[in-house]
Amino acid sequence: FHDAIKAKYPHLKLISSVGFEQPKEKRVQSRQPDVVDEHYYRSTAEFLRMEPNHYERYLRKAPEIFVGEWAAHEEIAPWDAKSRALPPTPSMKAAIGDAAFMASMERNSDLVTMQCYAPLFVNVNPGGRQWRPNLIGYDALRAYGSPSYYAIQMFSRNMGDTIMRPVLSGAQLPVSVTKSEKTGVLFIKLVNPQSEPQPLRIQLKGVRSVAASGTATILAAAPIAENSINAPTTVVPVTHKITGVRPDFLQVLPPYSVTVLQLQAASLPTVAAPPLAVNAVQAPNNMTPNPPTTDAAPQVLAVPTNGVMPLKNAFKGKFLIGTALSSSVLQGNSEEKAALSLKHFDAFTAE
């Protein structure tokens, strides 16, 4: 099929249904596909173990990666019968795993060009589901987003067009940094899977100046916290204005949190930044309002401000979910169209 399709339709990209996460003997051997489809249903602990260098280890001459199905679960796997007793949508603990994997895919979006969380929707009525976790729950009249939904929303709404290569000292925290070449805005995404606040010294390498204020959008809650059809906003992100930002400053990450910083850097250099250096910790300038108290020494996140590659993953451009349109109302033969707008779920619009 490969040769016949390529001969007739050379512009089409062919996707293999078996990716590199499968044993070699299961993959296509006789031809090289343009794209391979990988599936990852893993626990948060497994995603955290994978995150530091999973896609960094892939050869760049390999086919593009389409992560066609993925989702984090807490401990009990979706195919375990015990999962039927769990809520239909994921908790904050699963959202931590989802955000960690998102950071990995975003850092490597020269290779991971498409991805799909799955499943997307679940009917929360008794007997209405086949699988868990699911991103969005609904019944006949209402809908809600899970903590994982809001973590994905934060990634979708905060994205530049160029990938940075940050260097983190100490224990690994999932991180991804992009920059808008047009505006100079840096988007720094950080995940703290720990039960304690994590101080992080952020050094913006090569920046001549940075705006003294920015924003921090934080999704934080206890690992077991969840949203539901009757309590849809128990876990939602909150955006704070932050002040005292400098090229070298301290950010404290709350326990069990996903944080996105937006920083406006000015006069970004067009030449290579100097080699990264980890300096002695100076008196911190705390960034978040009322940051959690911690005696821990901060790790250092060095962020070069020269981009290393364009961002080219599935978040770029504009796309919407959450609006369904039927050709008739549920009762009678009326030709009037009935629209169900899930008003909370326009968040997948990426600028």
C-alpha atoms as a PDB file:
ATOM      1  CA  PHE A   1       0.000   0.000   0.000  1.00  0.00           C
ATOM      2  CA  HIS A   2       2.824   2.408   0.857  1.00  0.00           C
ATOM      3  CA  ASP A   3       4.359   2.425  -2.606  1.00  0.00           C
ATOM      4  CA  ALA A   4       1.017   2.625  -4.428  1.00  0.00           C
ATOM      5  CA  ILE A   5      -0.261   5.510  -2.310  1.00  0.00           C
ATOM      6  CA  LYS A   6       3.005   7.440  -2.569  1.00  0.00           C
ATOM      7  CA  ALA A   7       3.062   6.980  -6.349  1.00  0.00           C
ATOM      8  CA  LYS A   8      -0.508   8.239  -6.783  1.00  0.00           C
ATOM      9  CA  TYR A   9      -0.654  10.779  -3.937  1.00  0.00           C
ATOM     10  CA  PRO A  10       2.925  11.844  -3.089  1.00  0.00           C
ATOM     11  CA  HIS A  11       1.696  14.799  -1.008  1.00  0.00           C
ATOM     12  CA  LEU A  12      -0.044  12.554   1.539  1.00  0.00           C
ATOM     13  CA  LYS A  13       1.680  11.650   4.783  1.00  0.00           C
ATOM     14  CA  LEU A  14       1.276   8.025   5.827  1.00  0.00           C
ATOM     15  CA  ILE A  15       0.820   7.242   9.508  1.00  0.00           C
ATOM     16  CA  SER A  16       1.831   3.907  10.983  1.00  0.00           C
ATOM     17  CA  SER A  17      -0.529   2.691  13.700  1.00  0.00           C
ATOM     18  CA  VAL A  18       2.401   1.313  15.715  1.00  0.00           C
ATOM     19  CA  GLY A  19       4.904   3.716  17.257  1.00  0.00           C
ATOM     20  CA  PHE A  20       8.290   3.529  18.913  1.00  0.00           C
ATOM     21  CA  GLU A  21       6.755   2.754  22.298  1.00  0.00           C
ATOM     22  CA  GLN A  22       6.103  -0.760  20.947  1.00  0.00           C
ATOM     23  CA  PRO A  23       8.724  -3.514  20.535  1.00  0.00           C
ATOM     24  CA  LYS A  24      10.668  -3.370  17.284  1.00  0.00           C
ATOM     25  CA  GLU A  25       9.124  -6.573  15.957  1.00  0.00           C
ATOM     26  CA  LYS A  26       5.670  -4.938  16.011  1.00  0.00           C
ATOM     27  CA  ARG A  27       6.714  -1.888  14.004  1.00  0.00           C
ATOM     28  CA  VAL A  28       6.719  -1.394  10.247  1.00  0.00           C
ATOM     29  CA  GLN A  29      10.088  -2.641   8.996  1.00  0.00           C
ATOM     30  CA  SER A  30       9.898  -2.685   5.201  1.00  0.00           C
ATOM     31  CA  ARG A  31       9.122   1.028   4.734  1.00  0.00           C
ATOM     32  CA  GLN A  32       9.606   4.172   6.784  1.00  0.00           C
ATOM     33  CA  PRO A  33       6.291   5.878   7.549  1.00  0.00           C
ATOM     34  CA  ASP A  34       6.054   9.654   7.594  1.00  0.00           C
ATOM     35  CA  VAL A  35       4.422   9.619  11.040  1.00  0.00           C
ATOM     36  CA  VAL A  36       4.032   6.984  13.745  1.00  0.00           C
ATOM     37  CA  ASP A  37       1.128   6.823  16.191  1.00  0.00           C
ATOM     38  CA  GLU A  38       2.117   6.323  19.831  1.00  0.00           C
ATOM     39  CA  HIS A  39      -0.238   5.626  22.740  1.00  0.00           C
ATOM     40  CA  TYR A  40       0.563   6.315  26.389  1.00  0.00           C
ATOM     41  CA  TYR A  41      -1.793   5.478  29.226  1.00  0.00           C
ATOM     42  CA  ARG A  42       0.494   5.760  32.219  1.00  0.00           C
ATOM     43  CA  SER A  43       0.291   6.572  35.898  1.00  0.00           C
ATOM     44  CA  THR A  44       1.471   9.969  37.070  1.00  0.00           C
ATOM     45  CA  ALA A  45       4.520   8.289  38.622  1.00  0.00           C
ATOM     46  CA  GLU A  46       5.383   6.687  35.267  1.00  0.00           C
ATOM     47  CA  PHE A  47       4.990   9.952  33.358  1.00  0.00           C
ATOM     48  CA  LEU A  48       7.241  11.697  35.873  1.00  0.00           C
ATOM     49  CA  ARG A  49       9.886   9.024  35.377  1.00  0.00           C
ATOM     50  CA  MET A  50       9.592   9.329  31.584  1.00  0.00           C
ATOM     51  CA  GLU A  51       9.528  13.109  31.435  1.00  0.00           C
ATOM     52  CA  PRO A  52      13.155  14.265  31.829  1.00  0.00           C
ATOM     53  CA  ASN A  53      14.499  12.780  28.592  1.00  0.00           C
ATOM     54  CA  HIS A  54      11.913  10.515  26.929  1.00  0.00           C
ATOM     55  CA  TYR A  55      11.626  12.306  23.594  1.00  0.00           C
ATOM     56  CA  GLU A  56      15.066  13.857  23.883  1.00  0.00           C
ATOM     57  CA  ARG A  57      16.433  10.334  23.275  1.00  0.00           C
ATOM     58  CA  TYR A  58      14.655   9.950  19.925  1.00  0.00           C
ATOM     59  CA  LEU A  59      16.674  10.308  16.740  1.00  0.00           C
ATOM     60  CA  ARG A  60      15.741  13.502  14.921  1.00  0.00           C
ATOM     61  CA  LYS A  61      15.832  11.718  11.560  1.00  0.00           C
ATOM     62  CA  ALA A  62      13.063   9.402  12.739  1.00  0.00           C
ATOM     63  CA  PRO A  63       9.440   9.812  11.552  1.00  0.00           C
ATOM     64  CA  GLU A  64       7.287  12.468  13.169  1.00  0.00           C
ATOM     65  CA  ILE A  65       5.382  11.408  16.282  1.00  0.00           C
ATOM     66  CA  PHE A  66       1.603  11.571  16.598  1.00  0.00           C
ATOM     67  CA  VAL A  67       0.652  10.756  20.187  1.00  0.00           C
ATOM     68  CA  GLY A  68      -2.804   9.652  19.144  1.00  0.00           C
ATOM     69  CA  GLU A  69      -3.967   8.581  22.597  1.00  0.00           C
ATOM     70  CA  TRP A  70      -2.619   9.519  25.986  1.00  0.00           C
ATOM     71  CA  ALA A  71      -3.715  10.275  29.537  1.00  0.00           C
ATOM     72  CA  ALA A  72      -2.361  10.014  33.045  1.00  0.00           C
ATOM     73  CA  HIS A  73      -4.164   8.063  35.739  1.00  0.00           C
ATOM     74  CA  GLU A  74      -3.561   8.109  39.475  1.00  0.00           C
ATOM     75  CA  GLU A  75      -2.642   4.509  40.413  1.00  0.00           C
ATOM     76  CA  ILE A  76      -5.345   2.166  39.109  1.00  0.00           C
ATOM     77  CA  ALA A  77      -5.045   1.566  35.370  1.00  0.00           C
ATOM     78  CA  PRO A  78      -8.086   2.226  33.159  1.00  0.00           C
ATOM     79  CA  TRP A  79      -8.304  -1.434  32.124  1.00  0.00           C
ATOM     80  CA  ASP A  80      -8.429  -2.589  35.754  1.00  0.00           C
ATOM     81  CA  ALA A  81     -12.002  -3.415  36.822  1.00  0.00           C
ATOM     82  CA  LYS A  82     -11.374  -1.481  40.049  1.00  0.00           C
ATOM     83  CA  SER A  83     -11.280   1.764  38.032  1.00  0.00           C
ATOM     84  CA  ARG A  84     -15.059   1.498  37.593  1.00  0.00           C
ATOM     85  CA  ALA A  85     -15.454   2.627  41.204  1.00  0.00           C
ATOM     86  CA  LEU A  86     -13.425   5.803  40.633  1.00  0.00           C
ATOM     87  CA  PRO A  87     -14.772   9.182  39.488  1.00  0.00           C
ATOM     88  CA  PRO A  88     -15.109   9.461  35.699  1.00  0.00           C
ATOM     89  CA  THR A  89     -12.650  12.366  35.379  1.00  0.00           C
ATOM     90  CA  PRO A  90      -9.089  12.680  36.693  1.00  0.00           C
ATOM     91  CA  SER A  91      -7.952  14.235  39.954  1.00  0.00           C
ATOM     92  CA  MET A  92      -5.226  16.799  40.546  1.00  0.00           C
ATOM     93  CA  LYS A  93      -2.706  13.975  40.896  1.00  0.00           C
ATOM     94  CA  ALA A  94      -3.424  12.837  37.343  1.00  0.00           C
ATOM     95  CA  ALA A  95      -3.270  16.447  36.145  1.00  0.00           C
ATOM     96  CA  ILE A  96       0.305  16.623  37.447  1.00  0.00           C
ATOM     97  CA  GLY A  97       1.214  13.635  35.280  1.00  0.00           C
ATOM     98  CA  ASP A  98      -0.588  15.116  32.285  1.00  0.00           C
ATOM     99  CA  ALA A  99       1.234  18.439  32.660  1.00  0.00           C
ATOM    100  CA  ALA A 100       4.582  16.658  32.949  1.00  0.00           C
ATOM    101  CA  PHE A 101       3.978  14.767  29.707  1.00  0.00           C
ATOM    102  CA  MET A 102       2.726  17.943  28.025  1.00  0.00           C
ATOM    103  CA  ALA A 103       5.977  19.680  28.943  1.00  0.00           C
ATOM    104  CA  SER A 104       7.948  16.831  27.372  1.00  0.00           C
ATOM    105  CA  MET A 105       5.914  16.918  24.163  1.00  0.00           C
ATOM    106  CA  GLU A 106       6.140  20.702  23.905  1.00  0.00           C
ATOM    107  CA  ARG A 107       9.930  20.718  24.390  1.00  0.00           C
ATOM    108  CA  ASN A 108      10.204  18.179  21.586  1.00  0.00           C
ATOM    109  CA  SER A 109       7.552  19.499  19.226  1.00  0.00           C
ATOM    110  CA  ASP A 110      10.007  19.442  16.339  1.00  0.00           C
ATOM    111  CA  LEU A 111       9.381  15.695  16.582  1.00  0.00           C
ATOM    112  CA  VAL A 112       5.997  15.399  18.342  1.00  0.00           C
ATOM    113  CA  THR A 113       3.861  17.254  15.815  1.00  0.00           C
ATOM    114  CA  MET A 114       0.392  16.099  16.935  1.00  0.00           C
ATOM    115  CA  GLN A 115      -1.210  14.806  20.117  1.00  0.00           C
ATOM    116  CA  CYS A 116      -4.662  13.893  21.411  1.00  0.00           C
ATOM    117  CA  TYR A 117      -5.722  13.391  25.009  1.00  0.00           C
ATOM    118  CA  ALA A 118      -8.209  10.523  25.100  1.00  0.00           C
ATOM    119  CA  PRO A 119     -10.999  10.031  25.847  1.00  0.00           C
ATOM    120  CA  LEU A 120     -12.264  13.592  25.623  1.00  0.00           C
ATOM    121  CA  PHE A 121     -15.877  13.418  26.865  1.00  0.00           C
ATOM    122  CA  VAL A 122     -17.713  11.186  29.342  1.00  0.00           C
ATOM    123  CA  ASN A 123     -21.398  10.890  30.222  1.00  0.00           C
ATOM    124  CA  VAL A 124     -21.364  11.031  34.020  1.00  0.00           C
ATOM    125  CA  ASN A 125     -24.797   9.442  34.431  1.00  0.00           C
ATOM    126  CA  PRO A 126     -24.809   5.934  35.948  1.00  0.00           C
ATOM    127  CA  GLY A 127     -23.817   3.417  33.301  1.00  0.00           C
ATOM    128  CA  GLY A 128     -22.842   6.151  30.870  1.00  0.00           C
ATOM    129  CA  ARG A 129     -19.114   5.559  30.692  1.00  0.00           C
ATOM    130  CA  GLN A 130     -16.818   2.919  29.253  1.00  0.00           C
ATOM    131  CA  TRP A 131     -13.423   4.154  30.452  1.00  0.00           C
ATOM    132  CA  ARG A 132     -11.661   6.499  32.770  1.00  0.00           C
ATOM    133  CA  PRO A 133     -10.112   9.002  33.090  1.00  0.00           C
ATOM    134  CA  ASN A 134     -11.900  11.359  30.696  1.00  0.00           C
ATOM    135  CA  LEU A 135     -11.089  15.029  30.203  1.00  0.00           C
ATOM    136  CA  ILE A 136     -14.596  16.571  30.311  1.00  0.00           C
ATOM    137  CA  GLY A 137     -17.692  15.307  32.094  1.00  0.00           C
ATOM    138  CA  TYR A 138     -21.255  16.081  31.068  1.00  0.00           C
ATOM    139  CA  ASP A 139     -24.904  15.174  31.553  1.00  0.00           C
ATOM    140  CA  ALA A 140     -27.954  16.299  29.582  1.00  0.00           C
ATOM    141  CA  LEU A 141     -27.708  19.916  30.769  1.00  0.00           C
ATOM    142  CA  ARG A 142     -24.279  20.574  32.247  1.00  0.00           C
ATOM    143  CA  ALA A 143     -20.592  20.052  31.628  1.00  0.00           C
ATOM    144  CA  TYR A 144     -17.384  20.535  33.579  1.00  0.00           C
ATOM    145  CA  GLY A 145     -13.641  20.391  33.011  1.00  0.00           C
ATOM    146  CA  SER A 146     -11.367  18.176  35.076  1.00  0.00           C
ATOM    147  CA  PRO A 147      -8.098  19.440  36.636  1.00  0.00           C
ATOM    148  CA  SER A 148      -6.350  17.857  33.641  1.00  0.00           C
ATOM    149  CA  TYR A 149      -8.550  19.936  31.324  1.00  0.00           C
ATOM    150  CA  TYR A 150      -7.377  23.112  33.017  1.00  0.00           C
ATOM    151  CA  ALA A 151      -3.738  22.002  32.911  1.00  0.00           C
ATOM    152  CA  ILE A 152      -4.072  21.507  29.139  1.00  0.00           C
ATOM    153  CA  GLN A 153      -5.867  24.844  28.883  1.00  0.00           C
ATOM    154  CA  MET A 154      -2.900  26.555  30.528  1.00  0.00           C
ATOM    155  CA  PHE A 155      -0.512  25.026  27.997  1.00  0.00           C
ATOM    156  CA  SER A 156      -2.793  25.951  25.103  1.00  0.00           C
ATOM    157  CA  ARG A 157      -3.240  29.589  26.102  1.00  0.00           C
ATOM    158  CA  ASN A 158       0.415  30.284  26.885  1.00  0.00           C
ATOM    159  CA  MET A 159       2.604  29.503  23.942  1.00  0.00           C
ATOM    160  CA  GLY A 160       5.290  31.225  21.949  1.00  0.00           C
ATOM    161  CA  ASP A 161       6.600  30.257  18.545  1.00  0.00           C
ATOM    162  CA  THR A 162      10.151  29.268  19.482  1.00  0.00           C
ATOM    163  CA  ILE A 163      11.380  26.580  21.863  1.00  0.00           C
ATOM    164  CA  MET A 164      13.995  27.380  24.495  1.00  0.00           C
ATOM    165  CA  ARG A 165      16.396  24.884  26.040  1.00  0.00           C
ATOM    166  CA  PRO A 166      16.368  25.590  29.806  1.00  0.00           C
ATOM    167  CA  VAL A 167      18.875  23.941  32.128  1.00  0.00           C
ATOM    168  CA  LEU A 168      17.690  22.921  35.589  1.00  0.00           C
ATOM    169  CA  SER A 169      20.017  22.111  38.478  1.00  0.00           C
ATOM    170  CA  GLY A 170      19.146  19.687  41.260  1.00  0.00           C
ATOM    171  CA  ALA A 171      16.088  17.443  41.309  1.00  0.00           C
ATOM    172  CA  GLN A 172      14.188  17.378  38.055  1.00  0.00           C
ATOM    173  CA  LEU A 173      10.986  19.382  37.769  1.00  0.00           C
ATOM    174  CA  PRO A 174       9.050  19.151  34.499  1.00  0.00           C
ATOM    175  CA  VAL A 175       9.591  22.390  32.587  1.00  0.00           C
ATOM    176  CA  SER A 176       9.009  23.844  29.139  1.00  0.00           C
ATOM    177  CA  VAL A 177       9.884  27.347  27.931  1.00  0.00           C
ATOM    178  CA  THR A 178       8.795  29.035  24.714  1.00  0.00           C
ATOM    179  CA  LYS A 179       9.174  32.598  23.455  1.00  0.00           C
ATOM    180  CA  SER A 180       7.188  34.799  21.112  1.00  0.00           C
ATOM    181  CA  GLU A 181       9.690  36.173  18.610  1.00  0.00           C
ATOM    182  CA  LYS A 182       7.301  39.002  17.755  1.00  0.00           C
ATOM    183  CA  THR A 183       6.546  40.258  21.266  1.00  0.00           C
ATOM    184  CA  GLY A 184       9.482  38.950  23.305  1.00  0.00           C
ATOM    185  CA  VAL A 185       7.131  37.302  25.833  1.00  0.00           C
ATOM    186  CA  LEU A 186       8.571  34.258  27.586  1.00  0.00           C
ATOM    187  CA  PHE A 187       6.188  31.464  28.631  1.00  0.00           C
ATOM    188  CA  ILE A 188       7.719  29.366  31.405  1.00  0.00           C
ATOM    189  CA  LYS A 189       5.732  26.242  32.343  1.00  0.00           C
ATOM    190  CA  LEU A 190       6.659  24.471  35.574  1.00  0.00           C
ATOM    191  CA  VAL A 191       5.272  21.418  37.352  1.00  0.00           C
ATOM    192  CA  ASN A 192       5.834  20.705  41.044  1.00  0.00           C
ATOM    193  CA  PRO A 193       4.795  17.117  41.863  1.00  0.00           C
ATOM    194  CA  GLN A 194       6.133  17.360  45.420  1.00  0.00           C
ATOM    195  CA  SER A 195       4.242  17.787  48.685  1.00  0.00           C
ATOM    196  CA  GLU A 196       6.455  20.740  49.683  1.00  0.00           C
ATOM    197  CA  PRO A 197       6.912  24.192  48.112  1.00  0.00           C
ATOM    198  CA  GLN A 198       9.809  24.278  45.678  1.00  0.00           C
ATOM    199  CA  PRO A 199      11.874  27.490  45.475  1.00  0.00           C
ATOM    200  CA  LEU A 200      13.276  28.036  42.013  1.00  0.00           C
ATOM    201  CA  ARG A 201      15.812  30.652  41.055  1.00  0.00           C
ATOM    202  CA  ILE A 202      15.159  31.699  37.450  1.00  0.00           C
ATOM    203  CA  GLN A 203      18.021  33.191  35.466  1.00  0.00           C
ATOM    204  CA  LEU A 204      17.167  34.711  32.097  1.00  0.00           C
ATOM    205  CA  LYS A 205      20.390  34.411  30.137  1.00  0.00           C
ATOM    206  CA  GLY A 206      21.188  37.064  27.559  1.00  0.00           C
ATOM    207  CA  VAL A 207      18.282  39.362  28.422  1.00  0.00           C
ATOM    208  CA  ARG A 208      19.249  43.032  28.493  1.00  0.00           C
ATOM    209  CA  SER A 209      16.079  43.950  30.370  1.00  0.00           C
ATOM    210  CA  VAL A 210      12.844  42.430  31.566  1.00  0.00           C
ATOM    211  CA  ALA A 211       9.570  44.056  32.601  1.00  0.00           C
ATOM    212  CA  ALA A 212       9.313  44.373  36.379  1.00  0.00           C
ATOM    213  CA  SER A 213       5.856  42.775  36.407  1.00  0.00           C
ATOM    214  CA  GLY A 214       4.333  39.741  34.750  1.00  0.00           C
ATOM    215  CA  THR A 215       1.753  37.087  35.487  1.00  0.00           C
ATOM    216  CA  ALA A 216       1.731  33.692  37.180  1.00  0.00           C
ATOM    217  CA  THR A 217      -1.156  31.348  36.411  1.00  0.00           C
ATOM    218  CA  ILE A 218      -1.272  28.564  38.986  1.00  0.00           C
ATOM    219  CA  LEU A 219      -3.286  25.362  39.193  1.00  0.00           C
ATOM    220  CA  ALA A 220      -2.752  23.892  42.659  1.00  0.00           C
ATOM    221  CA  ALA A 221      -4.719  21.548  44.907  1.00  0.00           C
ATOM    222  CA  ALA A 222      -4.404  18.440  47.029  1.00  0.00           C
ATOM    223  CA  PRO A 223      -3.673  15.322  44.936  1.00  0.00           C
ATOM    224  CA  ILE A 224      -7.126  13.873  45.612  1.00  0.00           C
ATOM    225  CA  ALA A 225      -8.969  17.098  44.710  1.00  0.00           C
ATOM    226  CA  GLU A 226     -11.283  16.809  41.718  1.00  0.00           C
ATOM    227  CA  ASN A 227     -14.091  18.555  39.877  1.00  0.00           C
ATOM    228  CA  SER A 228     -17.524  17.053  39.336  1.00  0.00           C
ATOM    229  CA  ILE A 229     -20.844  17.813  37.708  1.00  0.00           C
ATOM    230  CA  ASN A 230     -22.106  19.295  41.000  1.00  0.00           C
ATOM    231  CA  ALA A 231     -18.819  20.983  41.973  1.00  0.00           C
ATOM    232  CA  PRO A 232     -17.281  21.981  38.635  1.00  0.00           C
ATOM    233  CA  THR A 233     -14.798  24.583  39.860  1.00  0.00           C
ATOM    234  CA  THR A 234     -13.168  22.988  42.896  1.00  0.00           C
ATOM    235  CA  VAL A 235      -9.844  22.945  41.030  1.00  0.00           C
ATOM    236  CA  VAL A 236      -9.322  25.825  38.592  1.00  0.00           C
ATOM    237  CA  PRO A 237      -6.300  27.976  37.688  1.00  0.00           C
ATOM    238  CA  VAL A 238      -5.832  31.406  39.237  1.00  0.00           C
ATOM    239  CA  THR A 239      -3.805  34.194  37.615  1.00  0.00           C
ATOM    240  CA  HIS A 240      -1.812  36.624  39.779  1.00  0.00           C
ATOM    241  CA  LYS A 241       0.109  39.723  38.849  1.00  0.00           C
ATOM    242  CA  ILE A 242       3.730  39.326  39.879  1.00  0.00           C
ATOM    243  CA  THR A 243       6.157  42.138  40.578  1.00  0.00           C
ATOM    244  CA  GLY A 244       9.850  42.562  41.194  1.00  0.00           C
ATOM    245  CA  VAL A 245      10.799  40.470  38.182  1.00  0.00           C
ATOM    246  CA  ARG A 246      14.454  40.707  37.162  1.00  0.00           C
ATOM    247  CA  PRO A 247      16.798  38.687  34.940  1.00  0.00           C
ATOM    248  CA  ASP A 248      17.688  36.769  38.123  1.00  0.00           C
ATOM    249  CA  PHE A 249      14.829  36.202  40.587  1.00  0.00           C
ATOM    250  CA  LEU A 250      13.131  33.616  42.791  1.00  0.00           C
ATOM    251  CA  GLN A 251       9.803  31.877  42.194  1.00  0.00           C
ATOM    252  CA  VAL A 252       8.289  29.544  44.768  1.00  0.00           C
ATOM    253  CA  LEU A 253       6.191  26.755  43.274  1.00  0.00           C
ATOM    254  CA  PRO A 254       3.281  25.633  45.483  1.00  0.00           C
ATOM    255  CA  PRO A 255       2.948  21.935  46.345  1.00  0.00           C
ATOM    256  CA  TYR A 256       1.195  19.792  43.745  1.00  0.00           C
ATOM    257  CA  SER A 257       0.979  22.556  41.191  1.00  0.00           C
ATOM    258  CA  VAL A 258       1.215  23.556  37.553  1.00  0.00           C
ATOM    259  CA  THR A 259       2.521  27.106  37.050  1.00  0.00           C
ATOM    260  CA  VAL A 260       2.789  29.212  33.901  1.00  0.00           C
ATOM    261  CA  LEU A 261       4.788  32.436  34.035  1.00  0.00           C
ATOM    262  CA  GLN A 262       4.438  35.141  31.394  1.00  0.00           C
ATOM    263  CA  LEU A 263       7.419  37.483  31.382  1.00  0.00           C
ATOM    264  CA  GLN A 264       8.047  40.368  28.998  1.00  0.00           C
ATOM    265  CA  ALA A 265      11.701  40.399  27.997  1.00  0.00           C
ATOM    266  CA  ALA A 266      13.017  43.412  26.099  1.00  0.00           C
ATOM    267  CA  SER A 267      15.916  43.799  23.693  1.00  0.00           C
ATOM    268  CA  LEU A 268      16.443  40.091  23.208  1.00  0.00           C
ATOM    269  CA  PRO A 269      19.863  39.402  21.714  1.00  0.00           C
ATOM    270  CA  THR A 270      20.252  38.153  18.178  1.00  0.00           C
ATOM    271  CA  VAL A 271      23.613  36.504  18.866  1.00  0.00           C
ATOM    272  CA  ALA A 272      24.277  33.381  20.870  1.00  0.00           C
ATOM    273  CA  ALA A 273      23.895  33.793  24.594  1.00  0.00           C
ATOM    274  CA  PRO A 274      26.973  33.220  26.772  1.00  0.00           C
ATOM    275  CA  PRO A 275      27.486  29.784  28.363  1.00  0.00           C
ATOM    276  CA  LEU A 276      25.084  29.004  31.178  1.00  0.00           C
ATOM    277  CA  ALA A 277      26.406  29.501  34.680  1.00  0.00           C
ATOM    278  CA  VAL A 278      24.945  28.565  38.050  1.00  0.00           C
ATOM    279  CA  ASN A 279      25.793  31.334  40.486  1.00  0.00           C
ATOM    280  CA  ALA A 280      25.709  31.438  44.244  1.00  0.00           C
ATOM    281  CA  VAL A 281      22.221  32.136  45.552  1.00  0.00           C
ATOM    282  CA  GLN A 282      21.736  35.780  46.399  1.00  0.00           C
ATOM    283  CA  ALA A 283      19.054  37.421  48.508  1.00  0.00           C
ATOM    284  CA  PRO A 284      15.826  36.358  46.819  1.00  0.00           C
ATOM    285  CA  ASN A 285      13.170  38.660  45.487  1.00  0.00           C
ATOM    286  CA  ASN A 286      10.010  36.642  46.102  1.00  0.00           C
ATOM    287  CA  MET A 287       7.733  36.750  43.144  1.00  0.00           C
ATOM    288  CA  THR A 288       4.360  35.320  44.031  1.00  0.00           C
ATOM    289  CA  PRO A 289       1.932  37.086  46.377  1.00  0.00           C
ATOM    290  CA  ASN A 290       2.281  35.503  49.806  1.00  0.00           C
ATOM    291  CA  PRO A 291       4.585  32.710  48.595  1.00  0.00           C
ATOM    292  CA  PRO A 292       4.595  29.477  50.614  1.00  0.00           C
ATOM    293  CA  THR A 293       7.235  29.476  53.298  1.00  0.00           C
ATOM    294  CA  THR A 294      10.121  27.095  52.757  1.00  0.00           C
ATOM    295  CA  ASP A 295      13.618  26.659  54.114  1.00  0.00           C
ATOM    296  CA  ALA A 296      14.788  24.631  51.135  1.00  0.00           C
ATOM    297  CA  ALA A 297      17.643  25.957  49.015  1.00  0.00           C
ATOM    298  CA  PRO A 298      16.357  26.953  45.581  1.00  0.00           C
ATOM    299  CA  GLN A 299      17.159  25.045  42.445  1.00  0.00           C
ATOM    300  CA  VAL A 300      18.377  27.105  39.496  1.00  0.00           C
ATOM    301  CA  LEU A 301      16.553  27.262  36.170  1.00  0.00           C
ATOM    302  CA  ALA A 302      18.775  28.863  33.539  1.00  0.00           C
ATOM    303  CA  VAL A 303      16.751  30.028  30.519  1.00  0.00           C
ATOM    304  CA  PRO A 304      18.670  31.024  27.386  1.00  0.00           C
ATOM    305  CA  THR A 305      16.652  33.576  25.446  1.00  0.00           C
ATOM    306  CA  ASN A 306      17.881  32.599  22.009  1.00  0.00           C
ATOM    307  CA  GLY A 307      15.434  30.148  20.451  1.00  0.00           C
ATOM    308  CA  VAL A 308      16.768  26.836  19.230  1.00  0.00           C
ATOM    309  CA  MET A 309      13.923  25.734  16.949  1.00  0.00           C
ATOM    310  CA  PRO A 310      10.462  26.811  15.835  1.00  0.00           C
ATOM    311  CA  LEU A 311       7.476  25.436  17.701  1.00  0.00           C
ATOM    312  CA  LYS A 312       5.483  23.191  15.382  1.00  0.00           C
ATOM    313  CA  ASN A 313       3.123  21.096  17.461  1.00  0.00           C
ATOM    314  CA  ALA A 314      -0.617  20.577  17.405  1.00  0.00           C
ATOM    315  CA  PHE A 315      -1.342  23.547  19.667  1.00  0.00           C
ATOM    316  CA  LYS A 316      -0.363  26.082  17.033  1.00  0.00           C
ATOM    317  CA  GLY A 317      -3.124  27.800  15.085  1.00  0.00           C
ATOM    318  CA  LYS A 318      -6.731  27.977  16.215  1.00  0.00           C
ATOM    319  CA  PHE A 319      -9.059  25.163  17.064  1.00  0.00           C
ATOM    320  CA  LEU A 320     -12.194  24.880  19.168  1.00  0.00           C
ATOM    321  CA  ILE A 321     -13.981  22.104  20.966  1.00  0.00           C
ATOM    322  CA  GLY A 322     -17.181  22.073  22.947  1.00  0.00           C
ATOM    323  CA  THR A 323     -19.872  23.288  20.550  1.00  0.00           C
ATOM    324  CA  ALA A 324     -22.347  20.737  19.219  1.00  0.00           C
ATOM    325  CA  LEU A 325     -25.054  21.580  16.691  1.00  0.00           C
ATOM    326  CA  SER A 326     -28.006  19.311  15.906  1.00  0.00           C
ATOM    327  CA  SER A 327     -30.375  19.574  12.946  1.00  0.00           C
ATOM    328  CA  SER A 328     -33.541  19.364  15.008  1.00  0.00           C
ATOM    329  CA  VAL A 329     -34.703  19.732  18.546  1.00  0.00           C
ATOM    330  CA  LEU A 330     -35.075  16.665  20.706  1.00  0.00           C
ATOM    331  CA  GLN A 331     -38.892  16.763  20.657  1.00  0.00           C
ATOM    332  CA  GLY A 332     -41.119  16.857  17.563  1.00  0.00           C
ATOM    333  CA  ASN A 333     -40.200  17.572  13.969  1.00  0.00           C
ATOM    334  CA  SER A 334     -39.180  21.177  14.284  1.00  0.00           C
ATOM    335  CA  GLU A 335     -36.585  22.346  11.763  1.00  0.00           C
ATOM    336  CA  GLU A 336     -35.202  24.719  14.343  1.00  0.00           C
ATOM    337  CA  LYS A 337     -31.587  23.898  15.094  1.00  0.00           C
ATOM    338  CA  ALA A 338     -30.709  23.230  18.704  1.00  0.00           C
ATOM    339  CA  ALA A 339     -27.243  24.341  19.774  1.00  0.00           C
ATOM    340  CA  LEU A 340     -25.562  23.110  22.903  1.00  0.00           C
ATOM    341  CA  SER A 341     -22.708  25.403  23.797  1.00  0.00           C
ATOM    342  CA  LEU A 342     -20.394  24.187  26.499  1.00  0.00           C
ATOM    343  CA  LYS A 343     -19.475  27.703  27.469  1.00  0.00           C
ATOM    344  CA  HIS A 344     -16.554  26.757  29.672  1.00  0.00           C
ATOM    345  CA  PHE A 345     -14.832  24.787  26.959  1.00  0.00           C
ATOM    346  CA  ASP A 346     -13.591  27.328  24.465  1.00  0.00           C
ATOM    347  CA  ALA A 347     -10.161  27.057  26.038  1.00  0.00           C
ATOM    348  CA  PHE A 348      -8.642  25.081  23.214  1.00  0.00           C
ATOM    349  CA  THR A 349      -8.306  28.239  21.138  1.00  0.00           C
ATOM    350  CA  ALA A 350      -4.572  28.708  20.754  1.00  0.00           C
ATOM    351  CA  GLU A 351      -3.316  32.020  19.470  1.00  0.00           C
END
